[in-house]
C-alpha atoms as a PDB file:
ATOM      1  CA  UNK A   1       5.522  17.860 -31.452  1.00  0.00           C
ATOM      2  CA  UNK A   2       8.523  19.627 -32.841  1.00  0.00           C
ATOM      3  CA  UNK A   3      11.939  17.973 -33.563  1.00  0.00           C
ATOM      4  CA  UNK A   4      13.039  15.032 -35.857  1.00  0.00           C
ATOM      5  CA  UNK A   5      15.279  11.970 -36.083  1.00  0.00           C
ATOM      6  CA  UNK A   6      16.779  10.447 -39.147  1.00  0.00           C
ATOM      7  CA  UNK A   7      18.184   7.186 -37.776  1.00  0.00           C
ATOM      8  CA  UNK A   8      16.057   3.992 -38.456  1.00  0.00           C
ATOM      9  CA  UNK A   9      16.143   0.945 -36.218  1.00  0.00           C
ATOM     10  CA  UNK A  10      13.949  -2.158 -37.199  1.00  0.00           C
ATOM     11  CA  UNK A  11      13.951  -5.922 -37.166  1.00  0.00           C
ATOM     12  CA  UNK A  12      15.985  -7.946 -34.643  1.00  0.00           C
ATOM     13  CA  UNK A  13      18.070  -5.031 -33.416  1.00  0.00           C
ATOM     14  CA  UNK A  14      14.900  -3.076 -32.799  1.00  0.00           C
ATOM     15  CA  UNK A  15      13.431  -5.973 -30.786  1.00  0.00           C
ATOM     16  CA  UNK A  16      16.526  -6.165 -28.635  1.00  0.00           C
ATOM     17  CA  UNK A  17      16.339  -2.410 -27.858  1.00  0.00           C
ATOM     18  CA  UNK A  18      12.680  -2.535 -26.894  1.00  0.00           C
ATOM     19  CA  UNK A  19      13.031  -5.758 -24.936  1.00  0.00           C
ATOM     20  CA  UNK A  20      15.856  -4.273 -22.835  1.00  0.00           C
ATOM     21  CA  UNK A  21      13.609  -1.217 -22.388  1.00  0.00           C
ATOM     22  CA  UNK A  22      10.452  -2.915 -21.167  1.00  0.00           C
ATOM     23  CA  UNK A  23      12.296  -5.548 -19.133  1.00  0.00           C
ATOM     24  CA  UNK A  24      14.181  -2.929 -17.268  1.00  0.00           C
ATOM     25  CA  UNK A  25      11.158  -2.473 -15.028  1.00  0.00           C
ATOM     26  CA  UNK A  26      12.244  -3.164 -11.369  1.00  0.00           C
ATOM     27  CA  UNK A  27       9.499  -5.848 -10.934  1.00  0.00           C
ATOM     28  CA  UNK A  28      10.782  -7.636 -14.043  1.00  0.00           C
ATOM     29  CA  UNK A  29      14.495  -7.125 -13.959  1.00  0.00           C
ATOM     30  CA  UNK A  30      14.790  -7.815 -10.210  1.00  0.00           C
ATOM     31  CA  UNK A  31      12.838 -11.087 -10.347  1.00  0.00           C
ATOM     32  CA  UNK A  32       9.576  -9.837  -8.867  1.00  0.00           C
ATOM     33  CA  UNK A  33       7.499 -11.878 -11.254  1.00  0.00           C
ATOM     34  CA  UNK A  34       7.794 -14.474 -14.095  1.00  0.00           C
ATOM     35  CA  UNK A  35       8.051 -13.205 -17.711  1.00  0.00           C
ATOM     36  CA  UNK A  36       6.221 -15.098 -20.493  1.00  0.00           C
ATOM     37  CA  UNK A  37       7.864 -13.871 -23.751  1.00  0.00           C
ATOM     38  CA  UNK A  38       6.486 -14.028 -27.220  1.00  0.00           C
ATOM     39  CA  UNK A  39       2.841 -13.985 -26.123  1.00  0.00           C
ATOM     40  CA  UNK A  40       0.566 -13.071 -29.036  1.00  0.00           C
ATOM     41  CA  UNK A  41      -2.647 -11.754 -27.454  1.00  0.00           C
ATOM     42  CA  UNK A  42      -3.395 -14.698 -25.109  1.00  0.00           C
ATOM     43  CA  UNK A  43      -1.554 -17.352 -23.104  1.00  0.00           C
ATOM     44  CA  UNK A  44      -3.136 -20.158 -21.084  1.00  0.00           C
ATOM     45  CA  UNK A  45      -1.809 -20.771 -17.579  1.00  0.00           C
ATOM     46  CA  UNK A  46      -2.605 -24.327 -16.471  1.00  0.00           C
ATOM     47  CA  UNK A  47      -3.071 -24.936 -12.667  1.00  0.00           C
ATOM     48  CA  UNK A  48      -2.692 -28.447 -11.303  1.00  0.00           C
ATOM     49  CA  UNK A  49      -3.867 -29.312  -7.785  1.00  0.00           C
ATOM     50  CA  UNK A  50      -3.966 -32.628  -5.990  1.00  0.00           C
ATOM     51  CA  UNK A  51      -6.061 -33.692  -2.899  1.00  0.00           C
ATOM     52  CA  UNK A  52      -4.558 -34.207   0.495  1.00  0.00           C
ATOM     53  CA  UNK A  53      -5.752 -37.816   0.367  1.00  0.00           C
ATOM     54  CA  UNK A  54      -3.397 -38.745  -2.449  1.00  0.00           C
ATOM     55  CA  UNK A  55      -1.306 -40.937  -0.268  1.00  0.00           C
ATOM     56  CA  UNK A  56      -2.952 -43.941   1.395  1.00  0.00           C
ATOM     57  CA  UNK A  57      -1.984 -47.186   3.108  1.00  0.00           C
ATOM     58  CA  UNK A  58      -0.502 -49.688   0.685  1.00  0.00           C
ATOM     59  CA  UNK A  59      -2.419 -52.810  -0.241  1.00  0.00           C
ATOM     60  CA  UNK A  60      -2.019 -55.738  -2.716  1.00  0.00           C
ATOM     61  CA  UNK A  61      -4.699 -54.239  -5.068  1.00  0.00           C
ATOM     62  CA  UNK A  62      -4.685 -51.211  -7.143  1.00  0.00           C
ATOM     63  CA  UNK A  63      -7.018 -48.602  -5.485  1.00  0.00           C
ATOM     64  CA  UNK A  64      -7.428 -45.391  -7.187  1.00  0.00           C
ATOM     65  CA  UNK A  65      -7.321 -42.523  -4.512  1.00  0.00           C
ATOM     66  CA  UNK A  66      -7.013 -38.814  -4.433  1.00  0.00           C
ATOM     67  CA  UNK A  67      -8.674 -36.168  -6.618  1.00  0.00           C
ATOM     68  CA  UNK A  68      -6.542 -34.097  -9.007  1.00  0.00           C
ATOM     69  CA  UNK A  69      -7.824 -30.961 -10.624  1.00  0.00           C
ATOM     70  CA  UNK A  70      -6.547 -29.168 -13.751  1.00  0.00           C
ATOM     71  CA  UNK A  71      -7.872 -25.679 -14.307  1.00  0.00           C
ATOM     72  CA  UNK A  72      -6.623 -22.757 -16.246  1.00  0.00           C
ATOM     73  CA  UNK A  73      -6.297 -18.998 -16.267  1.00  0.00           C
ATOM     74  CA  UNK A  74      -5.825 -16.926 -19.360  1.00  0.00           C
ATOM     75  CA  UNK A  75      -3.293 -14.117 -19.691  1.00  0.00           C
ATOM     76  CA  UNK A  76      -4.385 -11.474 -22.191  1.00  0.00           C
ATOM     77  CA  UNK A  77      -1.946  -8.948 -23.480  1.00  0.00           C
ATOM     78  CA  UNK A  78      -2.874  -5.462 -24.762  1.00  0.00           C
ATOM     79  CA  UNK A  79      -1.185  -3.826 -27.797  1.00  0.00           C
ATOM     80  CA  UNK A  80       0.708  -0.657 -26.729  1.00  0.00           C
ATOM     81  CA  UNK A  81       2.531   1.939 -28.736  1.00  0.00           C
ATOM     82  CA  UNK A  82       4.433   5.242 -28.737  1.00  0.00           C
ATOM     83  CA  UNK A  83       4.029   7.455 -31.808  1.00  0.00           C
ATOM     84  CA  UNK A  84       5.875  10.813 -31.748  1.00  0.00           C
ATOM     85  CA  UNK A  85       6.814  13.185 -34.569  1.00  0.00           C
ATOM     86  CA  UNK A  86       9.912  15.563 -34.509  1.00  0.00           C
ATOM     87  CA  UNK A  87      10.860  18.276 -36.947  1.00  0.00           C
ATOM     88  CA  UNK A  88      14.505  18.608 -38.009  1.00  0.00           C
ATOM     89  CA  UNK A  89      14.378  22.376 -38.572  1.00  0.00           C
ATOM     90  CA  UNK A  90      14.021  22.931 -34.879  1.00  0.00           C
ATOM     91  CA  UNK A  91      17.721  22.018 -34.457  1.00  0.00           C
ATOM     92  CA  UNK A  92      19.016  24.643 -37.040  1.00  0.00           C
ATOM     93  CA  UNK A  93      19.517  27.279 -34.271  1.00  0.00           C
ATOM     94  CA  UNK A  94      20.191  24.762 -31.479  1.00  0.00           C
ATOM     95  CA  UNK A  95      23.541  23.991 -29.951  1.00  0.00           C
ATOM     96  CA  UNK A  96      23.518  20.725 -31.877  1.00  0.00           C
ATOM     97  CA  UNK A  97      23.278  22.555 -35.303  1.00  0.00           C
ATOM     98  CA  UNK A  98      26.835  21.756 -36.147  1.00  0.00           C
ATOM     99  CA  UNK A  99      25.914  18.094 -36.347  1.00  0.00           C
ATOM    100  CA  UNK A 100      23.399  18.719 -39.081  1.00  0.00           C
ATOM    101  CA  UNK A 101      25.797  19.585 -41.881  1.00  0.00           C
ATOM    102  CA  UNK A 102      25.549  22.600 -44.330  1.00  0.00           C
ATOM    103  CA  UNK A 103      22.901  21.147 -46.749  1.00  0.00           C
ATOM    104  CA  UNK A 104      19.482  22.693 -46.893  1.00  0.00           C
ATOM    105  CA  UNK A 105      18.178  19.125 -46.351  1.00  0.00           C
ATOM    106  CA  UNK A 106      19.636  18.905 -42.809  1.00  0.00           C
ATOM    107  CA  UNK A 107      19.906  15.702 -40.862  1.00  0.00           C
ATOM    108  CA  UNK A 108      18.963  15.021 -37.267  1.00  0.00           C
ATOM    109  CA  UNK A 109      21.896  15.519 -34.875  1.00  0.00           C
ATOM    110  CA  UNK A 110      23.263  12.126 -33.958  1.00  0.00           C
ATOM    111  CA  UNK A 111      23.672  13.159 -30.322  1.00  0.00           C
ATOM    112  CA  UNK A 112      19.919  13.770 -30.066  1.00  0.00           C
ATOM    113  CA  UNK A 113      19.121  10.495 -31.862  1.00  0.00           C
ATOM    114  CA  UNK A 114      21.078   8.597 -29.217  1.00  0.00           C
ATOM    115  CA  UNK A 115      19.503  10.499 -26.422  1.00  0.00           C
ATOM    116  CA  UNK A 116      15.948  10.029 -27.553  1.00  0.00           C
ATOM    117  CA  UNK A 117      16.356   6.286 -27.921  1.00  0.00           C
ATOM    118  CA  UNK A 118      17.698   6.021 -24.325  1.00  0.00           C
ATOM    119  CA  UNK A 119      15.134   8.451 -22.958  1.00  0.00           C
ATOM    120  CA  UNK A 120      12.172   6.639 -24.441  1.00  0.00           C
ATOM    121  CA  UNK A 121      13.557   3.299 -23.363  1.00  0.00           C
ATOM    122  CA  UNK A 122      13.562   4.596 -19.776  1.00  0.00           C
ATOM    123  CA  UNK A 123       9.966   5.834 -20.127  1.00  0.00           C
ATOM    124  CA  UNK A 124       8.790   2.381 -21.447  1.00  0.00           C
ATOM    125  CA  UNK A 125      10.405   0.729 -18.337  1.00  0.00           C
ATOM    126  CA  UNK A 126       8.854   3.298 -16.046  1.00  0.00           C
ATOM    127  CA  UNK A 127       5.431   2.854 -17.612  1.00  0.00           C
ATOM    128  CA  UNK A 128       5.663  -0.889 -17.315  1.00  0.00           C
ATOM    129  CA  UNK A 129       6.566  -0.661 -13.592  1.00  0.00           C
ATOM    130  CA  UNK A 130       3.706   1.743 -12.845  1.00  0.00           C
ATOM    131  CA  UNK A 131       1.273  -0.252 -14.926  1.00  0.00           C
ATOM    132  CA  UNK A 132       2.000  -3.443 -13.066  1.00  0.00           C
ATOM    133  CA  UNK A 133       0.794  -1.803  -9.777  1.00  0.00           C
ATOM    134  CA  UNK A 134      -1.780   0.842 -10.838  1.00  0.00           C
ATOM    135  CA  UNK A 135      -3.038   0.170 -14.393  1.00  0.00           C
ATOM    136  CA  UNK A 136      -6.575  -0.555 -15.611  1.00  0.00           C
ATOM    137  CA  UNK A 137      -7.350  -2.045 -18.989  1.00  0.00           C
ATOM    138  CA  UNK A 138     -10.020   0.566 -19.611  1.00  0.00           C
ATOM    139  CA  UNK A 139      -7.461   3.329 -19.496  1.00  0.00           C
ATOM    140  CA  UNK A 140      -5.512   4.209 -22.681  1.00  0.00           C
ATOM    141  CA  UNK A 141      -1.976   2.688 -22.648  1.00  0.00           C
ATOM    142  CA  UNK A 142      -2.775   0.469 -19.675  1.00  0.00           C
ATOM    143  CA  UNK A 143      -3.537  -3.198 -18.832  1.00  0.00           C
ATOM    144  CA  UNK A 144      -5.011  -4.529 -15.620  1.00  0.00           C
ATOM    145  CA  UNK A 145      -2.598  -4.188 -12.713  1.00  0.00           C
ATOM    146  CA  UNK A 146      -1.962  -6.717 -10.052  1.00  0.00           C
ATOM    147  CA  UNK A 147      -4.269  -5.069  -7.486  1.00  0.00           C
ATOM    148  CA  UNK A 148      -7.100  -5.188  -9.995  1.00  0.00           C
ATOM    149  CA  UNK A 149      -6.502  -8.842 -10.581  1.00  0.00           C
ATOM    150  CA  UNK A 150      -6.281  -9.612  -6.925  1.00  0.00           C
ATOM    151  CA  UNK A 151      -9.443  -7.640  -5.940  1.00  0.00           C
ATOM    152  CA  UNK A 152     -11.390  -9.680  -8.657  1.00  0.00           C
ATOM    153  CA  UNK A 153     -10.204 -13.050  -7.536  1.00  0.00           C
ATOM    154  CA  UNK A 154     -12.362 -14.490  -4.752  1.00  0.00           C
ATOM    155  CA  UNK A 155      -9.795 -17.103  -3.863  1.00  0.00           C
ATOM    156  CA  UNK A 156      -7.069 -14.551  -2.858  1.00  0.00           C
ATOM    157  CA  UNK A 157      -6.551 -14.197   0.842  1.00  0.00           C
ATOM    158  CA  UNK A 158      -7.652 -10.707   1.726  1.00  0.00           C
ATOM    159  CA  UNK A 159      -6.359  -8.749   4.709  1.00  0.00           C
ATOM    160  CA  UNK A 160      -8.198  -5.554   5.607  1.00  0.00           C
ATOM    161  CA  UNK A 161      -6.536  -3.346   8.247  1.00  0.00           C
ATOM    162  CA  UNK A 162      -5.981   0.252   9.429  1.00  0.00           C
ATOM    163  CA  UNK A 163      -3.494   2.518   7.744  1.00  0.00           C
ATOM    164  CA  UNK A 164       0.236   1.675   8.056  1.00  0.00           C
ATOM    165  CA  UNK A 165       2.546   3.852  10.238  1.00  0.00           C
ATOM    166  CA  UNK A 166       6.031   3.537  11.552  1.00  0.00           C
ATOM    167  CA  UNK A 167       4.474   2.788  14.883  1.00  0.00           C
ATOM    168  CA  UNK A 168       2.374  -0.262  13.767  1.00  0.00           C
ATOM    169  CA  UNK A 169       4.164  -1.496  10.578  1.00  0.00           C
ATOM    170  CA  UNK A 170       5.723  -4.533  12.400  1.00  0.00           C
ATOM    171  CA  UNK A 171       2.075  -5.482  13.449  1.00  0.00           C
ATOM    172  CA  UNK A 172       0.793  -4.921   9.857  1.00  0.00           C
ATOM    173  CA  UNK A 173       3.543  -7.047   8.369  1.00  0.00           C
ATOM    174  CA  UNK A 174       2.800  -9.642  10.942  1.00  0.00           C
ATOM    175  CA  UNK A 175      -0.811  -9.750   9.823  1.00  0.00           C
ATOM    176  CA  UNK A 176       0.359 -10.464   6.273  1.00  0.00           C
ATOM    177  CA  UNK A 177       2.846 -13.120   7.448  1.00  0.00           C
ATOM    178  CA  UNK A 178       0.145 -14.887   9.502  1.00  0.00           C
ATOM    179  CA  UNK A 179      -2.155 -14.958   6.524  1.00  0.00           C
ATOM    180  CA  UNK A 180       0.328 -16.635   4.092  1.00  0.00           C
ATOM    181  CA  UNK A 181      -0.657 -20.372   3.609  1.00  0.00           C
ATOM    182  CA  UNK A 182       1.757 -22.518   5.547  1.00  0.00           C
ATOM    183  CA  UNK A 183       2.469 -24.634   2.423  1.00  0.00           C
ATOM    184  CA  UNK A 184       4.111 -21.681   0.602  1.00  0.00           C
ATOM    185  CA  UNK A 185       5.078 -19.348   3.414  1.00  0.00           C
ATOM    186  CA  UNK A 186       8.783 -20.082   3.127  1.00  0.00           C
ATOM    187  CA  UNK A 187       8.870 -21.025  -0.451  1.00  0.00           C
ATOM    188  CA  UNK A 188      12.107 -19.787  -2.048  1.00  0.00           C
ATOM    189  CA  UNK A 189      10.129 -17.486  -4.256  1.00  0.00           C
ATOM    190  CA  UNK A 190       7.872 -16.010  -1.490  1.00  0.00           C
ATOM    191  CA  UNK A 191       8.166 -12.301  -1.161  1.00  0.00           C
ATOM    192  CA  UNK A 192       6.294  -9.467   0.520  1.00  0.00           C
ATOM    193  CA  UNK A 193       5.779  -6.649  -2.003  1.00  0.00           C
ATOM    194  CA  UNK A 194       6.027  -3.156  -0.539  1.00  0.00           C
ATOM    195  CA  UNK A 195       6.016   0.420  -1.832  1.00  0.00           C
ATOM    196  CA  UNK A 196       8.689   2.956  -1.093  1.00  0.00           C
ATOM    197  CA  UNK A 197       6.520   4.896   1.468  1.00  0.00           C
ATOM    198  CA  UNK A 198       5.837   1.824   3.668  1.00  0.00           C
ATOM    199  CA  UNK A 199       9.295   0.486   3.293  1.00  0.00           C
ATOM    200  CA  UNK A 200      10.593   3.765   4.786  1.00  0.00           C
ATOM    201  CA  UNK A 201       8.238   3.223   7.742  1.00  0.00           C
ATOM    202  CA  UNK A 202       9.761  -0.201   8.219  1.00  0.00           C
ATOM    203  CA  UNK A 203      13.250   1.214   8.147  1.00  0.00           C
ATOM    204  CA  UNK A 204      12.242   3.918  10.681  1.00  0.00           C
ATOM    205  CA  UNK A 205      10.697   1.294  12.955  1.00  0.00           C
ATOM    206  CA  UNK A 206      13.704  -0.841  12.910  1.00  0.00           C
ATOM    207  CA  UNK A 207      15.812   2.160  13.611  1.00  0.00           C
ATOM    208  CA  UNK A 208      14.021   2.620  17.021  1.00  0.00           C
ATOM    209  CA  UNK A 209      11.801   5.525  15.932  1.00  0.00           C
ATOM    210  CA  UNK A 210       8.528   3.563  15.889  1.00  0.00           C
ATOM    211  CA  UNK A 211       6.651   2.236  18.904  1.00  0.00           C
ATOM    212  CA  UNK A 212       7.551  -1.253  17.803  1.00  0.00           C
ATOM    213  CA  UNK A 213      11.156  -0.430  17.153  1.00  0.00           C
ATOM    214  CA  UNK A 214      14.023  -2.523  18.520  1.00  0.00           C
ATOM    215  CA  UNK A 215      14.954  -0.231  21.409  1.00  0.00           C
ATOM    216  CA  UNK A 216      15.647   3.404  21.326  1.00  0.00           C
ATOM    217  CA  UNK A 217      18.598   3.136  19.004  1.00  0.00           C
ATOM    218  CA  UNK A 218      17.299   0.322  16.824  1.00  0.00           C
ATOM    219  CA  UNK A 219      19.321  -2.355  14.882  1.00  0.00           C
ATOM    220  CA  UNK A 220      22.836  -2.538  16.188  1.00  0.00           C
ATOM    221  CA  UNK A 221      22.297   0.788  18.040  1.00  0.00           C
ATOM    222  CA  UNK A 222      22.650   2.649  14.743  1.00  0.00           C
ATOM    223  CA  UNK A 223      19.275   4.177  14.497  1.00  0.00           C
ATOM    224  CA  UNK A 224      17.884   4.409  11.000  1.00  0.00           C
ATOM    225  CA  UNK A 225      21.391   4.771   9.645  1.00  0.00           C
ATOM    226  CA  UNK A 226      21.700   0.972   9.828  1.00  0.00           C
ATOM    227  CA  UNK A 227      19.956   0.993   6.404  1.00  0.00           C
ATOM    228  CA  UNK A 228      22.323   1.464   3.498  1.00  0.00           C
ATOM    229  CA  UNK A 229      20.345  -0.092   0.640  1.00  0.00           C
ATOM    230  CA  UNK A 230      20.711  -3.749   1.688  1.00  0.00           C
ATOM    231  CA  UNK A 231      17.941  -6.319   1.272  1.00  0.00           C
ATOM    232  CA  UNK A 232      15.552  -6.485   4.241  1.00  0.00           C
ATOM    233  CA  UNK A 233      13.145  -9.173   5.339  1.00  0.00           C
ATOM    234  CA  UNK A 234      10.370  -9.757   7.842  1.00  0.00           C
ATOM    235  CA  UNK A 235      10.230 -13.085   9.719  1.00  0.00           C
ATOM    236  CA  UNK A 236      12.477 -14.641   7.141  1.00  0.00           C
ATOM    237  CA  UNK A 237      10.416 -13.490   4.123  1.00  0.00           C
ATOM    238  CA  UNK A 238      12.181 -11.087   1.797  1.00  0.00           C
ATOM    239  CA  UNK A 239      10.659  -7.665   1.290  1.00  0.00           C
ATOM    240  CA  UNK A 240      10.520  -6.682  -2.358  1.00  0.00           C
ATOM    241  CA  UNK A 241      10.616  -2.872  -2.639  1.00  0.00           C
ATOM    242  CA  UNK A 242       8.855  -1.681  -5.736  1.00  0.00           C
ATOM    243  CA  UNK A 243       8.539   1.930  -6.995  1.00  0.00           C
ATOM    244  CA  UNK A 244       5.114   1.295  -8.516  1.00  0.00           C
ATOM    245  CA  UNK A 245       3.228   0.132  -5.457  1.00  0.00           C
ATOM    246  CA  UNK A 246       1.342   2.819  -3.558  1.00  0.00           C
ATOM    247  CA  UNK A 247       1.066   3.410   0.228  1.00  0.00           C
ATOM    248  CA  UNK A 248      -0.911   1.162   2.584  1.00  0.00           C
ATOM    249  CA  UNK A 249      -0.999  -1.725   0.027  1.00  0.00           C
ATOM    250  CA  UNK A 250       0.983  -5.031   0.669  1.00  0.00           C
ATOM    251  CA  UNK A 251       1.085  -8.234  -1.426  1.00  0.00           C
ATOM    252  CA  UNK A 252       2.577 -11.509  -0.323  1.00  0.00           C
ATOM    253  CA  UNK A 253       3.122 -13.886  -3.202  1.00  0.00           C
ATOM    254  CA  UNK A 254       5.563 -16.153  -4.921  1.00  0.00           C
ATOM    255  CA  UNK A 255       7.298 -14.473  -7.887  1.00  0.00           C
ATOM    256  CA  UNK A 256       6.676 -17.718  -9.816  1.00  0.00           C
ATOM    257  CA  UNK A 257       2.881 -17.160  -9.196  1.00  0.00           C
ATOM    258  CA  UNK A 258       2.712 -13.793 -10.965  1.00  0.00           C
ATOM    259  CA  UNK A 259       3.059 -13.652 -14.732  1.00  0.00           C
ATOM    260  CA  UNK A 260       3.846 -10.811 -17.125  1.00  0.00           C
ATOM    261  CA  UNK A 261       3.225 -11.606 -20.769  1.00  0.00           C
ATOM    262  CA  UNK A 262       4.999  -9.618 -23.556  1.00  0.00           C
ATOM    263  CA  UNK A 263       5.634  -9.724 -27.224  1.00  0.00           C
ATOM    264  CA  UNK A 264       8.843  -7.833 -26.904  1.00  0.00           C
ATOM    265  CA  UNK A 265      11.062 -10.870 -27.551  1.00  0.00           C
ATOM    266  CA  UNK A 266       9.272 -11.741 -30.761  1.00  0.00           C
ATOM    267  CA  UNK A 267      10.068 -10.918 -34.392  1.00  0.00           C
ATOM    268  CA  UNK A 268       6.878  -8.839 -34.667  1.00  0.00           C
ATOM    269  CA  UNK A 269       8.135  -6.342 -32.077  1.00  0.00           C
ATOM    270  CA  UNK A 270       9.469  -3.133 -33.563  1.00  0.00           C
ATOM    271  CA  UNK A 271      11.069   0.109 -32.592  1.00  0.00           C
ATOM    272  CA  UNK A 272      11.659   2.606 -35.482  1.00  0.00           C
ATOM    273  CA  UNK A 273      12.749   6.123 -36.119  1.00  0.00           C
ATOM    274  CA  UNK A 274      11.536   6.798 -39.593  1.00  0.00           C
ATOM    275  CA  UNK A 275      12.685   9.803 -41.772  1.00  0.00           C
ATOM    276  CA  UNK A 276       9.606  10.978 -43.800  1.00  0.00           C
ATOM    277  CA  UNK A 277      11.237  13.677 -45.759  1.00  0.00           C
ATOM    278  CA  UNK A 278      11.646  11.662 -48.934  1.00  0.00           C
ATOM    279  CA  UNK A 279       8.291  10.022 -48.837  1.00  0.00           C
ATOM    280  CA  UNK A 280       6.077  12.903 -47.560  1.00  0.00           C
ATOM    281  CA  UNK A 281       8.229  15.916 -48.509  1.00  0.00           C
ATOM    282  CA  UNK A 282       8.237  17.259 -45.039  1.00  0.00           C
ATOM    283  CA  UNK A 283      11.004  17.856 -42.455  1.00  0.00           C
ATOM    284  CA  UNK A 284       9.787  15.286 -39.961  1.00  0.00           C
ATOM    285  CA  UNK A 285      10.888  11.969 -38.483  1.00  0.00           C
ATOM    286  CA  UNK A 286       8.641   9.704 -36.586  1.00  0.00           C
ATOM    287  CA  UNK A 287       9.480   7.648 -33.448  1.00  0.00           C
ATOM    288  CA  UNK A 288       7.470   4.401 -33.414  1.00  0.00           C
ATOM    289  CA  UNK A 289       7.538   1.769 -30.712  1.00  0.00           C
ATOM    290  CA  UNK A 290       5.010  -1.227 -30.518  1.00  0.00           C
ATOM    291  CA  UNK A 291       4.806  -3.983 -28.016  1.00  0.00           C
ATOM    292  CA  UNK A 292       2.220  -5.964 -25.954  1.00  0.00           C
ATOM    293  CA  UNK A 293       1.913  -6.322 -22.217  1.00  0.00           C
ATOM    294  CA  UNK A 294      -0.427  -8.053 -19.739  1.00  0.00           C
ATOM    295  CA  UNK A 295      -0.503  -9.602 -16.284  1.00  0.00           C
ATOM    296  CA  UNK A 296      -2.048 -12.716 -14.674  1.00  0.00           C
ATOM    297  CA  UNK A 297      -1.824 -14.636 -11.460  1.00  0.00           C
ATOM    298  CA  UNK A 298      -1.599 -18.396 -10.982  1.00  0.00           C
ATOM    299  CA  UNK A 299      -3.047 -19.793  -7.820  1.00  0.00           C
ATOM    300  CA  UNK A 300      -4.972 -17.110  -6.080  1.00  0.00           C
ATOM    301  CA  UNK A 301      -5.283 -19.006  -2.814  1.00  0.00           C
ATOM    302  CA  UNK A 302      -1.520 -18.715  -2.344  1.00  0.00           C
ATOM    303  CA  UNK A 303      -1.498 -14.869  -2.498  1.00  0.00           C
ATOM    304  CA  UNK A 304      -2.233 -12.373   0.330  1.00  0.00           C
ATOM    305  CA  UNK A 305      -3.468  -8.907  -0.557  1.00  0.00           C
ATOM    306  CA  UNK A 306      -3.630  -6.231   2.084  1.00  0.00           C
ATOM    307  CA  UNK A 307      -5.636  -2.990   1.775  1.00  0.00           C
ATOM    308  CA  UNK A 308      -6.920  -0.297   4.199  1.00  0.00           C
ATOM    309  CA  UNK A 309     -10.105  -0.866   6.060  1.00  0.00           C
END
């Protein structure tokens, strides 16, 4: 790739920049899951369950009762990186050339240096969000997504149904709601995760334009204009709209039951823009970002996963 950058960021400042970039994913920054920082390759998630017969009638003697079980899941992170080379000479005839100075050994325009840092930070956040919902560890630059983990977990409550439309979305959300285990259904952290396409169908239905809409004019007789970006819920369960989730897929889970592991808050994390002119004799600079990311769920039996039949 052409272009170059001469500014260098490393160490703690670098970690902060990359942390802010990756953690800007909607799922992460808006509380859609639980972040486990400073994970180096693997983290063990312990799961503790107790039997329903834990409480018994009192007696004068000690009587051991109830069965408790301690199991574990392992969250494995995958090392990820961005490596890009820019050449400084490409700016010599550009509108930013005045920032390079008059020397034959020109420097990268500071305006572009600032821009590329911000742009790549946005790309890291976007990649993280998409990876959470559509990644597969066998694909370069990806780790296993939440749908991959849910499909592989036999304890997850699966709901298979026909495609979602604005005419049937209330019914489809009802199927999800009915399948959520009673013990966690109204947990403070319970959410129904929904993609933009299906969220729009819900708004349309509530606006009165679906067969299951609330009258011809919808909520407060406003049609679909009732929606102005506010939070919506279904039967008291918040809908978590996420850009990365595709159409016809719904997930109901507690945000404290989904975990994202990352190294971006550790000292080993780095983001660098390295000028190689003095060491390699070229006119290039390299953009280097390195971090780790991975997903895991806690108790699968408390999660509902809906796909098309």
